[in-house]
Full PDB file with SEQRES, HELIX, SHEET, SSBOND, CRYST1, ORIGX, SCALE, CONECT and MASTER records, all heavy atoms in Angstrom:
SEQRES   1 A   42  GLU ASN GLN ARG ALA LEU VAL ALA THR ILE ASN ASP ASP          
SEQRES   2 A   42  VAL PRO ASN TYR ALA ASP SER VAL LYS GLY ARG PHE ALA          
SEQRES   3 A   42  ILE SER ARG ASP ASN ALA LYS ASN THR VAL TYR LEU GLU          
SEQRES   4 A   42  MET ASN SER                                                  
HELIX    1 AA1 ASP A   19  VAL A   21  5                                   3    
HELIX    2 AA2 ASN A   31  LYS A   33  5                                   3    
SHEET    1 AA1 2 ALA A   8  ASN A  11  0                                        
SHEET    2 AA1 2 VAL A  14  TYR A  17 -1                                        
SHEET    1 AA2 2 PHE A  25  ASP A  30  0                                        
SHEET    2 AA2 2 THR A  35  MET A  40 -1                                        
CRYST1    1.000    1.000    1.000  90.00  90.00  90.00 P 1           1          
ORIGX1      1.000000  0.000000  0.000000        0.00000                         
ORIGX2      0.000000  1.000000  0.000000        0.00000                         
ORIGX3      0.000000  0.000000  1.000000        0.00000                         
SCALE1      1.000000  0.000000  0.000000        0.00000                         
SCALE2      0.000000  1.000000  0.000000        0.00000                         
SCALE3      0.000000  0.000000  1.000000        0.00000                         
ATOM      1  N   GLU A   1     101.911 177.999 136.001  1.00  0.00           N  
ATOM      2  CA  GLU A   1     102.200 179.078 135.051  1.00  0.00           C  
ATOM      3  C   GLU A   1     101.580 178.823 133.663  1.00  0.00           C  
ATOM      4  O   GLU A   1     101.914 179.521 132.725  1.00  0.00           O  
ATOM      5  CB  GLU A   1     103.692 179.340 134.945  1.00  0.00           C  
ATOM      6  CG  GLU A   1     104.352 179.700 136.253  1.00  0.00           C  
ATOM      7  CD  GLU A   1     105.813 180.034 136.140  1.00  0.00           C  
ATOM      8  OE1 GLU A   1     106.354 179.893 135.040  1.00  0.00           O  
ATOM      9  OE2 GLU A   1     106.433 180.411 137.161  1.00  0.00           O  
ATOM     10  N   ASN A   2     100.702 177.846 133.549  1.00  0.00           N  
ATOM     11  CA  ASN A   2     100.042 177.563 132.304  1.00  0.00           C  
ATOM     12  C   ASN A   2      98.538 177.807 132.439  1.00  0.00           C  
ATOM     13  O   ASN A   2      98.025 177.820 133.585  1.00  0.00           O  
ATOM     14  CB  ASN A   2     100.274 176.156 131.834  1.00  0.00           C  
ATOM     15  CG  ASN A   2     101.664 175.923 131.290  1.00  0.00           C  
ATOM     16  OD1 ASN A   2     102.429 176.859 131.190  1.00  0.00           O  
ATOM     17  ND2 ASN A   2     101.978 174.706 130.990  1.00  0.00           N  
ATOM     18  N   GLN A   3      97.857 178.013 131.350  1.00  0.00           N  
ATOM     19  CA  GLN A   3      96.426 178.113 131.382  1.00  0.00           C  
ATOM     20  C   GLN A   3      95.809 176.729 131.505  1.00  0.00           C  
ATOM     21  O   GLN A   3      96.394 175.739 131.154  1.00  0.00           O  
ATOM     22  CB  GLN A   3      95.919 178.802 130.133  1.00  0.00           C  
ATOM     23  CG  GLN A   3      96.267 180.280 129.979  1.00  0.00           C  
ATOM     24  CD  GLN A   3      95.657 180.922 128.805  1.00  0.00           C  
ATOM     25  OE1 GLN A   3      95.335 180.320 127.808  1.00  0.00           O  
ATOM     26  NE2 GLN A   3      95.433 182.222 128.884  1.00  0.00           N  
ATOM     27  N   ARG A   4      94.555 176.725 132.010  1.00  0.00           N  
ATOM     28  CA  ARG A   4      93.828 175.450 132.072  1.00  0.00           C  
ATOM     29  C   ARG A   4      93.516 174.992 130.667  1.00  0.00           C  
ATOM     30  O   ARG A   4      93.092 175.755 129.819  1.00  0.00           O  
ATOM     31  CB  ARG A   4      92.521 175.652 132.882  1.00  0.00           C  
ATOM     32  CG  ARG A   4      91.874 174.368 133.364  1.00  0.00           C  
ATOM     33  CD  ARG A   4      90.827 174.654 134.388  1.00  0.00           C  
ATOM     34  NE  ARG A   4      91.356 175.267 135.599  1.00  0.00           N  
ATOM     35  CZ  ARG A   4      90.613 175.446 136.689  1.00  0.00           C  
ATOM     36  NH1 ARG A   4      89.317 175.107 136.705  1.00  0.00           N  
ATOM     37  NH2 ARG A   4      91.151 175.991 137.786  1.00  0.00           N  
ATOM     38  N   ALA A   5      93.752 173.751 130.397  1.00  0.00           N  
ATOM     39  CA  ALA A   5      93.651 173.178 129.051  1.00  0.00           C  
ATOM     40  C   ALA A   5      92.809 171.930 129.025  1.00  0.00           C  
ATOM     41  O   ALA A   5      92.849 171.134 129.973  1.00  0.00           O  
ATOM     42  CB  ALA A   5      95.010 172.922 128.451  1.00  0.00           C  
ATOM     43  N   LEU A   6      92.113 171.730 127.925  1.00  0.00           N  
ATOM     44  CA  LEU A   6      91.291 170.564 127.754  1.00  0.00           C  
ATOM     45  C   LEU A   6      92.163 169.290 127.692  1.00  0.00           C  
ATOM     46  O   LEU A   6      93.179 169.272 126.999  1.00  0.00           O  
ATOM     47  CB  LEU A   6      90.437 170.666 126.496  1.00  0.00           C  
ATOM     48  CG  LEU A   6      89.464 169.551 126.181  1.00  0.00           C  
ATOM     49  CD1 LEU A   6      88.243 170.134 125.473  1.00  0.00           C  
ATOM     50  CD2 LEU A   6      90.105 168.474 125.287  1.00  0.00           C  
ATOM     51  N   VAL A   7      91.747 168.237 128.378  1.00  0.00           N  
ATOM     52  CA  VAL A   7      92.392 166.953 128.255  1.00  0.00           C  
ATOM     53  C   VAL A   7      91.509 165.974 127.502  1.00  0.00           C  
ATOM     54  O   VAL A   7      91.934 165.376 126.521  1.00  0.00           O  
ATOM     55  CB  VAL A   7      92.689 166.341 129.671  1.00  0.00           C  
ATOM     56  CG1 VAL A   7      93.297 164.934 129.554  1.00  0.00           C  
ATOM     57  CG2 VAL A   7      93.612 167.251 130.438  1.00  0.00           C  
ATOM     58  N   ALA A   8      90.278 165.843 127.920  1.00  0.00           N  
ATOM     59  CA  ALA A   8      89.348 164.909 127.281  1.00  0.00           C  
ATOM     60  C   ALA A   8      87.904 165.314 127.611  1.00  0.00           C  
ATOM     61  O   ALA A   8      87.636 165.775 128.698  1.00  0.00           O  
ATOM     62  CB  ALA A   8      89.597 163.469 127.738  1.00  0.00           C  
ATOM     63  N   THR A   9      87.014 165.156 126.639  1.00  0.00           N  
ATOM     64  CA  THR A   9      85.606 165.399 126.886  1.00  0.00           C  
ATOM     65  C   THR A   9      84.825 164.166 126.445  1.00  0.00           C  
ATOM     66  O   THR A   9      85.325 163.309 125.672  1.00  0.00           O  
ATOM     67  CB  THR A   9      85.091 166.632 126.122  1.00  0.00           C  
ATOM     68  OG1 THR A   9      85.297 166.412 124.726  1.00  0.00           O  
ATOM     69  CG2 THR A   9      85.784 167.886 126.581  1.00  0.00           C  
ATOM     70  N   ILE A  10      83.626 164.025 126.948  1.00  0.00           N  
ATOM     71  CA  ILE A  10      82.763 162.958 126.529  1.00  0.00           C  
ATOM     72  C   ILE A  10      81.348 163.508 126.380  1.00  0.00           C  
ATOM     73  O   ILE A  10      80.811 164.122 127.295  1.00  0.00           O  
ATOM     74  CB  ILE A  10      82.806 161.804 127.546  1.00  0.00           C  
ATOM     75  CG1 ILE A  10      81.960 160.605 127.052  1.00  0.00           C  
ATOM     76  CG2 ILE A  10      82.403 162.223 128.956  1.00  0.00           C  
ATOM     77  CD1 ILE A  10      82.282 159.312 127.787  1.00  0.00           C  
ATOM     78  N   ASN A  11      80.758 163.329 125.186  1.00  0.00           N  
ATOM     79  CA  ASN A  11      79.498 163.845 124.870  1.00  0.00           C  
ATOM     80  C   ASN A  11      78.677 162.723 124.249  1.00  0.00           C  
ATOM     81  O   ASN A  11      79.022 162.200 123.192  1.00  0.00           O  
ATOM     82  CB  ASN A  11      79.644 165.032 123.898  1.00  0.00           C  
ATOM     83  CG  ASN A  11      78.279 165.679 123.562  1.00  0.00           C  
ATOM     84  OD1 ASN A  11      77.357 165.536 124.361  1.00  0.00           O  
ATOM     85  ND2 ASN A  11      78.201 166.319 122.437  1.00  0.00           N  
ATOM     86  N   ASP A  12      77.595 162.344 124.919  1.00  0.00           N  
ATOM     87  CA  ASP A  12      76.791 161.228 124.451  1.00  0.00           C  
ATOM     88  C   ASP A  12      77.662 159.990 124.219  1.00  0.00           C  
ATOM     89  O   ASP A  12      77.499 159.288 123.210  1.00  0.00           O  
ATOM     90  CB  ASP A  12      76.028 161.578 123.178  1.00  0.00           C  
ATOM     91  CG  ASP A  12      74.936 162.616 123.468  1.00  0.00           C  
ATOM     92  OD1 ASP A  12      74.443 162.631 124.583  1.00  0.00           O  
ATOM     93  OD2 ASP A  12      74.562 163.351 122.524  1.00  0.00           O  
ATOM     94  N   ASP A  13      78.600 159.775 125.118  1.00  0.00           N  
ATOM     95  CA  ASP A  13      79.485 158.655 125.082  1.00  0.00           C  
ATOM     96  C   ASP A  13      80.489 158.713 123.953  1.00  0.00           C  
ATOM     97  O   ASP A  13      81.184 157.730 123.640  1.00  0.00           O  
ATOM     98  CB  ASP A  13      78.739 157.331 125.036  1.00  0.00           C  
ATOM     99  CG  ASP A  13      77.942 157.050 126.292  1.00  0.00           C  
ATOM    100  OD1 ASP A  13      78.405 157.539 127.375  1.00  0.00           O  
ATOM    101  OD2 ASP A  13      76.857 156.426 126.229  1.00  0.00           O  
ATOM    102  N   VAL A  14      80.605 159.826 123.265  1.00  0.00           N  
ATOM    103  CA  VAL A  14      81.603 159.999 122.258  1.00  0.00           C  
ATOM    104  C   VAL A  14      82.782 160.813 122.866  1.00  0.00           C  
ATOM    105  O   VAL A  14      82.601 161.941 123.266  1.00  0.00           O  
ATOM    106  CB  VAL A  14      81.042 160.791 121.014  1.00  0.00           C  
ATOM    107  CG1 VAL A  14      82.153 160.983 120.013  1.00  0.00           C  
ATOM    108  CG2 VAL A  14      79.929 160.016 120.392  1.00  0.00           C  
ATOM    109  N   PRO A  15      83.948 160.178 122.933  1.00  0.00           N  
ATOM    110  CA  PRO A  15      85.098 160.865 123.518  1.00  0.00           C  
ATOM    111  C   PRO A  15      85.834 161.758 122.533  1.00  0.00           C  
ATOM    112  O   PRO A  15      85.781 161.542 121.335  1.00  0.00           O  
ATOM    113  CB  PRO A  15      86.005 159.706 124.001  1.00  0.00           C  
ATOM    114  CG  PRO A  15      85.716 158.658 122.974  1.00  0.00           C  
ATOM    115  CD  PRO A  15      84.287 158.774 122.593  1.00  0.00           C  
ATOM    116  N   ASN A  16      86.517 162.738 123.145  1.00  0.00           N  
ATOM    117  CA  ASN A  16      87.365 163.631 122.351  1.00  0.00           C  
ATOM    118  C   ASN A  16      88.597 163.913 123.210  1.00  0.00           C  
ATOM    119  O   ASN A  16      88.470 164.137 124.403  1.00  0.00           O  
ATOM    120  CB  ASN A  16      86.649 164.922 122.034  1.00  0.00           C  
ATOM    121  CG  ASN A  16      87.528 165.862 121.221  1.00  0.00           C  
ATOM    122  OD1 ASN A  16      87.972 165.514 120.139  1.00  0.00           O  
ATOM    123  ND2 ASN A  16      87.715 167.062 121.726  1.00  0.00           N  
ATOM    124  N   TYR A  17      89.780 163.889 122.586  1.00  0.00           N  
ATOM    125  CA  TYR A  17      91.028 163.996 123.346  1.00  0.00           C  
ATOM    126  C   TYR A  17      91.906 165.066 122.794  1.00  0.00           C  
ATOM    127  O   TYR A  17      91.956 165.304 121.559  1.00  0.00           O  
ATOM    128  CB  TYR A  17      91.771 162.675 123.335  1.00  0.00           C  
ATOM    129  CG  TYR A  17      91.025 161.503 123.930  1.00  0.00           C  
ATOM    130  CD1 TYR A  17      90.342 160.619 123.107  1.00  0.00           C  
ATOM    131  CD2 TYR A  17      91.007 161.334 125.316  1.00  0.00           C  
ATOM    132  CE1 TYR A  17      89.634 159.569 123.649  1.00  0.00           C  
ATOM    133  CE2 TYR A  17      90.263 160.293 125.859  1.00  0.00           C  
ATOM    134  CZ  TYR A  17      89.588 159.391 125.029  1.00  0.00           C  
ATOM    135  OH  TYR A  17      88.905 158.357 125.545  1.00  0.00           O  
ATOM    136  N   ALA A  18      92.658 165.698 123.676  1.00  0.00           N  
ATOM    137  CA  ALA A  18      93.719 166.565 123.241  1.00  0.00           C  
ATOM    138  C   ALA A  18      94.776 165.719 122.547  1.00  0.00           C  
ATOM    139  O   ALA A  18      94.994 164.532 122.900  1.00  0.00           O  
ATOM    140  CB  ALA A  18      94.373 167.284 124.419  1.00  0.00           C  
ATOM    141  N   ASP A  19      95.462 166.274 121.552  1.00  0.00           N  
ATOM    142  CA  ASP A  19      96.456 165.493 120.760  1.00  0.00           C  
ATOM    143  C   ASP A  19      97.526 164.930 121.693  1.00  0.00           C  
ATOM    144  O   ASP A  19      97.993 163.852 121.432  1.00  0.00           O  
ATOM    145  CB  ASP A  19      97.050 166.383 119.679  1.00  0.00           C  
ATOM    146  CG  ASP A  19      96.123 166.688 118.540  1.00  0.00           C  
ATOM    147  OD1 ASP A  19      95.087 165.984 118.424  1.00  0.00           O  
ATOM    148  OD2 ASP A  19      96.379 167.643 117.786  1.00  0.00           O  
ATOM    149  N   SER A  20      97.851 165.669 122.735  1.00  0.00           N  
ATOM    150  CA  SER A  20      98.969 165.274 123.588  1.00  0.00           C  
ATOM    151  C   SER A  20      98.668 164.009 124.412  1.00  0.00           C  
ATOM    152  O   SER A  20      99.556 163.379 124.933  1.00  0.00           O  
ATOM    153  CB  SER A  20      99.322 166.391 124.533  1.00  0.00           C  
ATOM    154  OG  SER A  20      98.215 166.744 125.327  1.00  0.00           O  
ATOM    155  N   VAL A  21      97.396 163.608 124.484  1.00  0.00           N  
ATOM    156  CA  VAL A  21      97.055 162.432 125.334  1.00  0.00           C  
ATOM    157  C   VAL A  21      96.406 161.311 124.475  1.00  0.00           C  
ATOM    158  O   VAL A  21      96.121 160.240 125.050  1.00  0.00           O  
ATOM    159  CB  VAL A  21      96.117 162.828 126.505  1.00  0.00           C  
ATOM    160  CG1 VAL A  21      96.745 163.939 127.307  1.00  0.00           C  
ATOM    161  CG2 VAL A  21      94.727 163.187 126.008  1.00  0.00           C  
ATOM    162  N   LYS A  22      96.201 161.520 123.221  1.00  0.00           N  
ATOM    163  CA  LYS A  22      95.571 160.531 122.391  1.00  0.00           C  
ATOM    164  C   LYS A  22      96.380 159.210 122.442  1.00  0.00           C  
ATOM    165  O   LYS A  22      97.618 159.244 122.328  1.00  0.00           O  
ATOM    166  CB  LYS A  22      95.427 161.024 120.956  1.00  0.00           C  
ATOM    167  CG  LYS A  22      94.253 161.954 120.730  1.00  0.00           C  
ATOM    168  CD  LYS A  22      94.167 162.382 119.262  1.00  0.00           C  
ATOM    169  CE  LYS A  22      93.015 163.351 119.056  1.00  0.00           C  
ATOM    170  NZ  LYS A  22      92.943 163.859 117.664  1.00  0.00           N  
ATOM    171  N   GLY A  23      95.646 158.126 122.575  1.00  0.00           N  
ATOM    172  CA  GLY A  23      96.326 156.831 122.621  1.00  0.00           C  
ATOM    173  C   GLY A  23      96.831 156.448 123.997  1.00  0.00           C  
ATOM    174  O   GLY A  23      97.237 155.308 124.209  1.00  0.00           O  
ATOM    175  N   ARG A  24      96.843 157.397 124.923  1.00  0.00           N  
ATOM    176  CA  ARG A  24      97.351 157.082 126.299  1.00  0.00           C  
ATOM    177  C   ARG A  24      96.236 157.240 127.333  1.00  0.00           C  
ATOM    178  O   ARG A  24      96.243 156.564 128.348  1.00  0.00           O  
ATOM    179  CB  ARG A  24      98.482 158.067 126.657  1.00  0.00           C  
ATOM    180  CG  ARG A  24      99.649 157.972 125.728  1.00  0.00           C  
ATOM    181  CD  ARG A  24     100.848 158.797 126.245  1.00  0.00           C  
ATOM    182  NE  ARG A  24     100.509 160.226 126.320  1.00  0.00           N  
ATOM    183  CZ  ARG A  24     100.584 160.926 127.436  1.00  0.00           C  
ATOM    184  NH1 ARG A  24     100.950 160.339 128.558  1.00  0.00           N  
ATOM    185  NH2 ARG A  24     100.313 162.230 127.437  1.00  0.00           N  
ATOM    186  N   PHE A  25      95.322 158.151 127.128  1.00  0.00           N  
ATOM    187  CA  PHE A  25      94.227 158.409 128.094  1.00  0.00           C  
ATOM    188  C   PHE A  25      92.914 157.902 127.535  1.00  0.00           C  
ATOM    189  O   PHE A  25      92.704 157.924 126.306  1.00  0.00           O  
ATOM    190  CB  PHE A  25      94.136 159.917 128.408  1.00  0.00           C  
ATOM    191  CG  PHE A  25      95.256 160.501 129.188  1.00  0.00           C  
ATOM    192  CD1 PHE A  25      96.454 159.834 129.359  1.00  0.00           C  
ATOM    193  CD2 PHE A  25      95.110 161.781 129.712  1.00  0.00           C  
ATOM    194  CE1 PHE A  25      97.521 160.406 130.084  1.00  0.00           C  
ATOM    195  CE2 PHE A  25      96.156 162.381 130.428  1.00  0.00           C  
ATOM    196  CZ  PHE A  25      97.348 161.677 130.610  1.00  0.00           C  
ATOM    197  N   ALA A  26      92.013 157.544 128.438  1.00  0.00           N  
ATOM    198  CA  ALA A  26      90.678 157.120 128.019  1.00  0.00           C  
ATOM    199  C   ALA A  26      89.664 157.654 129.059  1.00  0.00           C  
ATOM    200  O   ALA A  26      89.814 157.456 130.238  1.00  0.00           O  
ATOM    201  CB  ALA A  26      90.575 155.601 127.950  1.00  0.00           C  
ATOM    202  N   ILE A  27      88.664 158.317 128.491  1.00  0.00           N  
ATOM    203  CA  ILE A  27      87.561 158.881 129.325  1.00  0.00           C  
ATOM    204  C   ILE A  27      86.346 157.970 129.237  1.00  0.00           C  
ATOM    205  O   ILE A  27      86.053 157.446 128.147  1.00  0.00           O  
ATOM    206  CB  ILE A  27      87.241 160.307 128.925  1.00  0.00           C  
ATOM    207  CG1 ILE A  27      86.289 160.979 129.901  1.00  0.00           C  
ATOM    208  CG2 ILE A  27      86.715 160.385 127.481  1.00  0.00           C  
ATOM    209  CD1 ILE A  27      86.091 162.486 129.659  1.00  0.00           C  
ATOM    210  N   SER A  28      85.665 157.800 130.333  1.00  0.00           N  
ATOM    211  CA  SER A  28      84.468 156.966 130.324  1.00  0.00           C  
ATOM    212  C   SER A  28      83.496 157.497 131.349  1.00  0.00           C  
ATOM    213  O   SER A  28      83.841 158.276 132.225  1.00  0.00           O  
ATOM    214  CB  SER A  28      84.824 155.491 130.599  1.00  0.00           C  
ATOM    215  OG  SER A  28      85.429 155.360 131.896  1.00  0.00           O  
ATOM    216  N   ARG A  29      82.266 157.055 131.216  1.00  0.00           N  
ATOM    217  CA  ARG A  29      81.172 157.536 132.098  1.00  0.00           C  
ATOM    218  C   ARG A  29      80.394 156.398 132.681  1.00  0.00           C  
ATOM    219  O   ARG A  29      80.141 155.433 131.990  1.00  0.00           O  
ATOM    220  CB  ARG A  29      80.250 158.440 131.241  1.00  0.00           C  
ATOM    221  CG  ARG A  29      79.137 159.056 132.039  1.00  0.00           C  
ATOM    222  CD  ARG A  29      78.083 159.606 131.053  1.00  0.00           C  
ATOM    223  NE  ARG A  29      78.608 160.611 130.138  1.00  0.00           N  
ATOM    224  CZ  ARG A  29      78.805 161.846 130.434  1.00  0.00           C  
ATOM    225  NH1 ARG A  29      78.527 162.275 131.656  1.00  0.00           N  
ATOM    226  NH2 ARG A  29      79.272 162.710 129.538  1.00  0.00           N  
ATOM    227  N   ASP A  30      80.016 156.535 133.933  1.00  0.00           N  
ATOM    228  CA  ASP A  30      79.068 155.624 134.593  1.00  0.00           C  
ATOM    229  C   ASP A  30      77.864 156.445 134.949  1.00  0.00           C  
ATOM    230  O   ASP A  30      77.878 157.149 135.966  1.00  0.00           O  
ATOM    231  CB  ASP A  30      79.723 154.973 135.804  1.00  0.00           C  
ATOM    232  CG  ASP A  30      78.809 153.909 136.424  1.00  0.00           C  
ATOM    233  OD1 ASP A  30      77.579 154.038 136.328  1.00  0.00           O  
ATOM    234  OD2 ASP A  30      79.354 152.976 137.070  1.00  0.00           O  
ATOM    235  N   ASN A  31      76.804 156.372 134.161  1.00  0.00           N  
ATOM    236  CA  ASN A  31      75.649 157.225 134.416  1.00  0.00           C  
ATOM    237  C   ASN A  31      74.943 156.876 135.701  1.00  0.00           C  
ATOM    238  O   ASN A  31      74.444 157.763 136.410  1.00  0.00           O  
ATOM    239  CB  ASN A  31      74.639 157.124 133.246  1.00  0.00           C  
ATOM    240  CG  ASN A  31      75.165 157.783 131.997  1.00  0.00           C  
ATOM    241  OD1 ASN A  31      75.816 158.830 132.007  1.00  0.00           O  
ATOM    242  ND2 ASN A  31      74.962 157.154 130.838  1.00  0.00           N  
ATOM    243  N   ALA A  32      74.955 155.631 136.053  1.00  0.00           N  
ATOM    244  CA  ALA A  32      74.265 155.208 137.284  1.00  0.00           C  
ATOM    245  C   ALA A  32      74.942 155.813 138.517  1.00  0.00           C  
ATOM    246  O   ALA A  32      74.277 156.135 139.513  1.00  0.00           O  
ATOM    247  CB  ALA A  32      74.277 153.702 137.400  1.00  0.00           C  
ATOM    248  N   LYS A  33      76.206 156.058 138.446  1.00  0.00           N  
ATOM    249  CA  LYS A  33      76.968 156.643 139.541  1.00  0.00           C  
ATOM    250  C   LYS A  33      77.192 158.127 139.375  1.00  0.00           C  
ATOM    251  O   LYS A  33      77.812 158.735 140.237  1.00  0.00           O  
ATOM    252  CB  LYS A  33      78.306 155.927 139.741  1.00  0.00           C  
ATOM    253  CG  LYS A  33      78.176 154.453 140.109  1.00  0.00           C  
ATOM    254  CD  LYS A  33      79.519 153.808 140.335  1.00  0.00           C  
ATOM    255  CE  LYS A  33      79.424 152.355 140.749  1.00  0.00           C  
ATOM    256  NZ  LYS A  33      80.740 151.700 140.964  1.00  0.00           N  
ATOM    257  N   ASN A  34      76.751 158.673 138.260  1.00  0.00           N  
ATOM    258  CA  ASN A  34      77.004 160.060 137.958  1.00  0.00           C  
ATOM    259  C   ASN A  34      78.469 160.406 138.104  1.00  0.00           C  
ATOM    260  O   ASN A  34      78.884 161.408 138.723  1.00  0.00           O  
ATOM    261  CB  ASN A  34      76.165 160.973 138.879  1.00  0.00           C  
ATOM    262  CG  ASN A  34      75.548 162.135 138.120  1.00  0.00           C  
ATOM    263  OD1 ASN A  34      75.902 162.393 136.981  1.00  0.00           O  
ATOM    264  ND2 ASN A  34      74.644 162.832 138.740  1.00  0.00           N  
ATOM    265  N   THR A  35      79.282 159.538 137.492  1.00  0.00           N  
ATOM    266  CA  THR A  35      80.728 159.653 137.648  1.00  0.00           C  
ATOM    267  C   THR A  35      81.408 159.516 136.281  1.00  0.00           C  
ATOM    268  O   THR A  35      80.948 158.737 135.406  1.00  0.00           O  
ATOM    269  CB  THR A  35      81.267 158.514 138.568  1.00  0.00           C  
ATOM    270  OG1 THR A  35      80.634 158.680 139.871  1.00  0.00           O  
ATOM    271  CG2 THR A  35      82.751 158.575 138.728  1.00  0.00           C  
ATOM    272  N   VAL A  36      82.436 160.267 136.082  1.00  0.00           N  
ATOM    273  CA  VAL A  36      83.268 160.152 134.873  1.00  0.00           C  
ATOM    274  C   VAL A  36      84.692 159.834 135.282  1.00  0.00           C  
ATOM    275  O   VAL A  36      85.184 160.369 136.305  1.00  0.00           O  
ATOM    276  CB  VAL A  36      83.220 161.491 134.097  1.00  0.00           C  
ATOM    277  CG1 VAL A  36      84.252 161.535 133.003  1.00  0.00           C  
ATOM    278  CG2 VAL A  36      81.835 161.697 133.491  1.00  0.00           C  
ATOM    279  N   TYR A  37      85.307 158.956 134.546  1.00  0.00           N  
ATOM    280  CA  TYR A  37      86.645 158.484 134.846  1.00  0.00           C  
ATOM    281  C   TYR A  37      87.642 158.972 133.779  1.00  0.00           C  
ATOM    282  O   TYR A  37      87.253 159.199 132.606  1.00  0.00           O  
ATOM    283  CB  TYR A  37      86.669 156.975 134.920  1.00  0.00           C  
ATOM    284  CG  TYR A  37      85.671 156.392 135.913  1.00  0.00           C  
ATOM    285  CD1 TYR A  37      84.431 155.955 135.511  1.00  0.00           C  
ATOM    286  CD2 TYR A  37      85.978 156.297 137.266  1.00  0.00           C  
ATOM    287  CE1 TYR A  37      83.546 155.437 136.384  1.00  0.00           C  
ATOM    288  CE2 TYR A  37      85.098 155.811 138.187  1.00  0.00           C  
ATOM    289  CZ  TYR A  37      83.859 155.353 137.728  1.00  0.00           C  
ATOM    290  OH  TYR A  37      82.979 154.851 138.618  1.00  0.00           O  
ATOM    291  N   LEU A  38      88.890 159.047 134.150  1.00  0.00           N  
ATOM    292  CA  LEU A  38      89.967 159.310 133.215  1.00  0.00           C  
ATOM    293  C   LEU A  38      91.069 158.286 133.516  1.00  0.00           C  
ATOM    294  O   LEU A  38      91.760 158.414 134.538  1.00  0.00           O  
ATOM    295  CB  LEU A  38      90.467 160.759 133.294  1.00  0.00           C  
ATOM    296  CG  LEU A  38      91.522 161.125 132.267  1.00  0.00           C  
ATOM    297  CD1 LEU A  38      90.914 161.169 130.859  1.00  0.00           C  
ATOM    298  CD2 LEU A  38      92.179 162.447 132.603  1.00  0.00           C  
ATOM    299  N   GLU A  39      91.216 157.352 132.632  1.00  0.00           N  
ATOM    300  CA  GLU A  39      92.270 156.373 132.739  1.00  0.00           C  
ATOM    301  C   GLU A  39      93.490 156.899 132.028  1.00  0.00           C  
ATOM    302  O   GLU A  39      93.418 157.257 130.858  1.00  0.00           O  
ATOM    303  CB  GLU A  39      91.827 155.028 132.079  1.00  0.00           C  
ATOM    304  CG  GLU A  39      92.776 153.901 132.240  1.00  0.00           C  
ATOM    305  CD  GLU A  39      92.681 153.278 133.676  1.00  0.00           C  
ATOM    306  OE1 GLU A  39      91.567 153.270 134.256  1.00  0.00           O  
ATOM    307  OE2 GLU A  39      93.776 152.872 134.207  1.00  0.00           O  
ATOM    308  N   MET A  40      94.563 157.031 132.778  1.00  0.00           N  
ATOM    309  CA  MET A  40      95.784 157.619 132.214  1.00  0.00           C  
ATOM    310  C   MET A  40      96.909 156.592 132.230  1.00  0.00           C  
ATOM    311  O   MET A  40      97.292 156.132 133.298  1.00  0.00           O  
ATOM    312  CB  MET A  40      96.209 158.856 133.040  1.00  0.00           C  
ATOM    313  CG  MET A  40      95.075 159.885 133.174  1.00  0.00           C  
ATOM    314  SD  MET A  40      95.589 161.411 133.965  1.00  0.00           S  
ATOM    315  CE  MET A  40      96.021 160.823 135.583  1.00  0.00           C  
ATOM    316  N   ASN A  41      97.397 156.321 131.044  1.00  0.00           N  
ATOM    317  CA  ASN A  41      98.487 155.321 130.901  1.00  0.00           C  
ATOM    318  C   ASN A  41      99.699 155.933 130.260  1.00  0.00           C  
ATOM    319  O   ASN A  41      99.616 157.038 129.675  1.00  0.00           O  
ATOM    320  CB  ASN A  41      97.982 154.133 130.083  1.00  0.00           C  
ATOM    321  CG  ASN A  41      96.824 153.398 130.681  1.00  0.00           C  
ATOM    322  OD1 ASN A  41      96.851 153.015 131.837  1.00  0.00           O  
ATOM    323  ND2 ASN A  41      95.747 153.276 129.914  1.00  0.00           N  
ATOM    324  N   SER A  42     100.830 155.239 130.404  1.00  0.00           N  
ATOM    325  CA  SER A  42     102.076 155.761 129.778  1.00  0.00           C  
ATOM    326  C   SER A  42     102.296 157.213 130.177  1.00  0.00           C  
ATOM    327  O   SER A  42     102.620 158.024 129.322  1.00  0.00           O  
ATOM    328  CB  SER A  42     102.082 155.591 128.285  1.00  0.00           C  
ATOM    329  OG  SER A  42     101.825 154.232 127.926  1.00  0.00           O  
TER     330      SER A  42                                                      
MASTER        0    0    0    2    4    0    0    6  329    1    0    4          
END                                                                             
């Protein structure tokens, strides 16, 4: 019942986070694998 909302983006290896996940989530990229990860803690 909610709209889709941004969690984290990564642009040229610069991350950006929604306020609600700052300090808990981390986004990273592996260019060789064409894969992006989202590490979610707490």
